Amino acid sequence: MFAHVPVAIGIQLACWGIGRALGAPSRASVWIGCFAGSAVCVMREITQREYQWIEQFGGGRRANMPGYAGLELWAWNSHSISETIVAIAASVALAAIVTWRGTR
């Protein structure tokens, strides 16, 4: 259930490290990483929903799918929603901790 968490945190840490290596402030780097890690997880679930739509309604052809099919969040299953929320929450928590520790 938590397969997205290491992906999101890994991307966040990579962005944080790249930002610091380029001289960006730590707080900015970790929040950019939070956004990037969260975006990857959300995009993965959108893509997964598109493939599900193609199998169910598109006759196996992507050309039959409307452009918004992956964005129908109400059609996502509970596993997709919960896994994405947990990954985003973990990234936000890490960024908040880094920000909080940096201001002390």
C-alpha atoms as a PDB file:
ATOM      1  CA  MET A   1       0.000   0.000   0.000  1.00  0.00           C
ATOM      2  CA  PHE A   2       2.876   2.364   0.603  1.00  0.00           C
ATOM      3  CA  ALA A   3       4.826   1.744  -2.604  1.00  0.00           C
ATOM      4  CA  HIS A   4       4.571   5.408  -3.612  1.00  0.00           C
ATOM      5  CA  VAL A   5       6.162   6.684  -0.398  1.00  0.00           C
ATOM      6  CA  PRO A   6       9.765   5.687  -1.179  1.00  0.00           C
ATOM      7  CA  VAL A   7       9.369   6.996  -4.726  1.00  0.00           C
ATOM      8  CA  ALA A   8       8.054  10.370  -3.552  1.00  0.00           C
ATOM      9  CA  ILE A   9      10.642  10.692  -0.783  1.00  0.00           C
ATOM     10  CA  GLY A  10      13.446   9.560  -3.095  1.00  0.00           C
ATOM     11  CA  ILE A  11      12.555  12.179  -5.694  1.00  0.00           C
ATOM     12  CA  GLN A  12      12.231  14.778  -2.953  1.00  0.00           C
ATOM     13  CA  LEU A  13      15.661  13.951  -1.558  1.00  0.00           C
ATOM     14  CA  ALA A  14      17.212  14.006  -5.024  1.00  0.00           C
ATOM     15  CA  CYS A  15      15.725  17.434  -5.745  1.00  0.00           C
ATOM     16  CA  TRP A  16      16.811  18.654  -2.333  1.00  0.00           C
ATOM     17  CA  GLY A  17      20.376  17.502  -2.992  1.00  0.00           C
ATOM     18  CA  ILE A  18      20.470  18.981  -6.494  1.00  0.00           C
ATOM     19  CA  GLY A  19      19.095  22.266  -5.202  1.00  0.00           C
ATOM     20  CA  ARG A  20      21.668  22.442  -2.430  1.00  0.00           C
ATOM     21  CA  ALA A  21      24.470  21.574  -4.861  1.00  0.00           C
ATOM     22  CA  LEU A  22      23.363  24.452  -7.075  1.00  0.00           C
ATOM     23  CA  GLY A  23      23.284  26.855  -4.127  1.00  0.00           C
ATOM     24  CA  ALA A  24      19.523  27.078  -3.602  1.00  0.00           C
ATOM     25  CA  PRO A  25      18.235  27.500  -0.060  1.00  0.00           C
ATOM     26  CA  SER A  26      17.482  24.232   1.707  1.00  0.00           C
ATOM     27  CA  ARG A  27      13.881  25.207   2.417  1.00  0.00           C
ATOM     28  CA  ALA A  28      13.172  25.982  -1.236  1.00  0.00           C
ATOM     29  CA  SER A  29      14.903  22.829  -2.439  1.00  0.00           C
ATOM     30  CA  VAL A  30      12.990  20.509  -0.138  1.00  0.00           C
ATOM     31  CA  TRP A  31       9.623  22.062  -1.070  1.00  0.00           C
ATOM     32  CA  ILE A  32      10.394  21.840  -4.798  1.00  0.00           C
ATOM     33  CA  GLY A  33      11.277  18.206  -4.160  1.00  0.00           C
ATOM     34  CA  CYS A  34       7.978  17.765  -2.329  1.00  0.00           C
ATOM     35  CA  PHE A  35       6.116  19.062  -5.355  1.00  0.00           C
ATOM     36  CA  ALA A  36       8.114  16.906  -7.773  1.00  0.00           C
ATOM     37  CA  GLY A  37       7.694  13.720  -5.742  1.00  0.00           C
ATOM     38  CA  SER A  38       3.987  14.327  -5.276  1.00  0.00           C
ATOM     39  CA  ALA A  39       3.516  15.125  -8.967  1.00  0.00           C
ATOM     40  CA  VAL A  40       5.170  11.874 -10.019  1.00  0.00           C
ATOM     41  CA  CYS A  41       2.817   9.864  -7.797  1.00  0.00           C
ATOM     42  CA  VAL A  42      -0.270  11.703  -9.044  1.00  0.00           C
ATOM     43  CA  MET A  43       0.785  11.320 -12.674  1.00  0.00           C
ATOM     44  CA  ARG A  44       1.362   7.604 -12.189  1.00  0.00           C
ATOM     45  CA  GLU A  45      -2.184   7.167 -10.898  1.00  0.00           C
ATOM     46  CA  ILE A  46      -3.611   9.254 -13.745  1.00  0.00           C
ATOM     47  CA  THR A  47      -1.768   7.057 -16.233  1.00  0.00           C
ATOM     48  CA  GLN A  48      -2.937   3.912 -14.484  1.00  0.00           C
ATOM     49  CA  ARG A  49      -6.544   5.120 -14.631  1.00  0.00           C
ATOM     50  CA  GLU A  50      -6.120   5.830 -18.356  1.00  0.00           C
ATOM     51  CA  TYR A  51      -4.994   2.246 -18.961  1.00  0.00           C
ATOM     52  CA  GLN A  52      -7.963   0.972 -16.954  1.00  0.00           C
ATOM     53  CA  TRP A  53     -10.319   3.112 -19.035  1.00  0.00           C
ATOM     54  CA  ILE A  54      -8.793   1.853 -22.272  1.00  0.00           C
ATOM     55  CA  GLU A  55      -9.280  -1.753 -21.180  1.00  0.00           C
ATOM     56  CA  GLN A  56     -12.859  -1.227 -19.939  1.00  0.00           C
ATOM     57  CA  PHE A  57     -14.331   1.183 -22.491  1.00  0.00           C
ATOM     58  CA  GLY A  58     -11.836   1.903 -25.245  1.00  0.00           C
ATOM     59  CA  GLY A  59     -11.652  -1.452 -26.936  1.00  0.00           C
ATOM     60  CA  GLY A  60      -7.935  -1.612 -26.231  1.00  0.00           C
ATOM     61  CA  ARG A  61      -7.241   1.568 -28.230  1.00  0.00           C
ATOM     62  CA  ARG A  62      -5.933   4.735 -26.666  1.00  0.00           C
ATOM     63  CA  ALA A  63      -7.369   6.756 -29.547  1.00  0.00           C
ATOM     64  CA  ASN A  64     -10.866   5.948 -28.227  1.00  0.00           C
ATOM     65  CA  MET A  65     -10.157   7.537 -24.837  1.00  0.00           C
ATOM     66  CA  PRO A  66     -11.212  11.122 -24.115  1.00  0.00           C
ATOM     67  CA  GLY A  67      -8.397  13.356 -22.900  1.00  0.00           C
ATOM     68  CA  TYR A  68      -9.883  13.758 -19.431  1.00  0.00           C
ATOM     69  CA  ALA A  69     -10.354  10.065 -18.608  1.00  0.00           C
ATOM     70  CA  GLY A  70      -7.370   9.835 -16.261  1.00  0.00           C
ATOM     71  CA  LEU A  71      -8.425  12.979 -14.418  1.00  0.00           C
ATOM     72  CA  GLU A  72     -11.733  11.484 -13.290  1.00  0.00           C
ATOM     73  CA  LEU A  73     -10.658  11.177  -9.655  1.00  0.00           C
ATOM     74  CA  TRP A  74     -14.045   9.775  -8.672  1.00  0.00           C
ATOM     75  CA  ALA A  75     -13.270   6.760 -10.856  1.00  0.00           C
ATOM     76  CA  TRP A  76      -9.980   6.006  -9.087  1.00  0.00           C
ATOM     77  CA  ASN A  77     -10.124   3.001  -6.788  1.00  0.00           C
ATOM     78  CA  SER A  78      -9.603   3.427  -3.044  1.00  0.00           C
ATOM     79  CA  HIS A  79      -6.121   1.923  -3.224  1.00  0.00           C
ATOM     80  CA  SER A  80      -4.989   4.546  -5.757  1.00  0.00           C
ATOM     81  CA  ILE A  81      -6.441   7.380  -3.711  1.00  0.00           C
ATOM     82  CA  SER A  82      -5.050   6.219  -0.383  1.00  0.00           C
ATOM     83  CA  GLU A  83      -1.597   5.450  -1.758  1.00  0.00           C
ATOM     84  CA  THR A  84      -1.352   8.860  -3.407  1.00  0.00           C
ATOM     85  CA  ILE A  85      -2.552  10.692  -0.301  1.00  0.00           C
ATOM     86  CA  VAL A  86      -0.082   8.840   1.939  1.00  0.00           C
ATOM     87  CA  ALA A  87       2.827   9.615  -0.416  1.00  0.00           C
ATOM     88  CA  ILE A  88       1.916  13.302  -0.603  1.00  0.00           C
ATOM     89  CA  ALA A  89       1.492  13.449   3.177  1.00  0.00           C
ATOM     90  CA  ALA A  90       4.910  11.867   3.712  1.00  0.00           C
ATOM     91  CA  SER A  91       6.545  14.390   1.366  1.00  0.00           C
ATOM     92  CA  VAL A  92       4.789  17.321   3.010  1.00  0.00           C
ATOM     93  CA  ALA A  93       5.754  16.015   6.455  1.00  0.00           C
ATOM     94  CA  LEU A  94       9.427  15.768   5.479  1.00  0.00           C
ATOM     95  CA  ALA A  95       9.396  19.271   3.987  1.00  0.00           C
ATOM     96  CA  ALA A  96       7.615  20.665   7.049  1.00  0.00           C
ATOM     97  CA  ILE A  97      10.143  19.050   9.396  1.00  0.00           C
ATOM     98  CA  VAL A  98      13.072  20.415   7.397  1.00  0.00           C
ATOM     99  CA  THR A  99      11.466  23.873   7.331  1.00  0.00           C
ATOM    100  CA  TRP A 100      10.675  23.772  11.034  1.00  0.00           C
ATOM    101  CA  ARG A 101      14.170  22.639  12.014  1.00  0.00           C
ATOM    102  CA  GLY A 102      15.695  25.313   9.796  1.00  0.00           C
ATOM    103  CA  THR A 103      13.809  28.106  11.567  1.00  0.00           C
ATOM    104  CA  ARG A 104      14.714  27.048  15.098  1.00  0.00           C
END
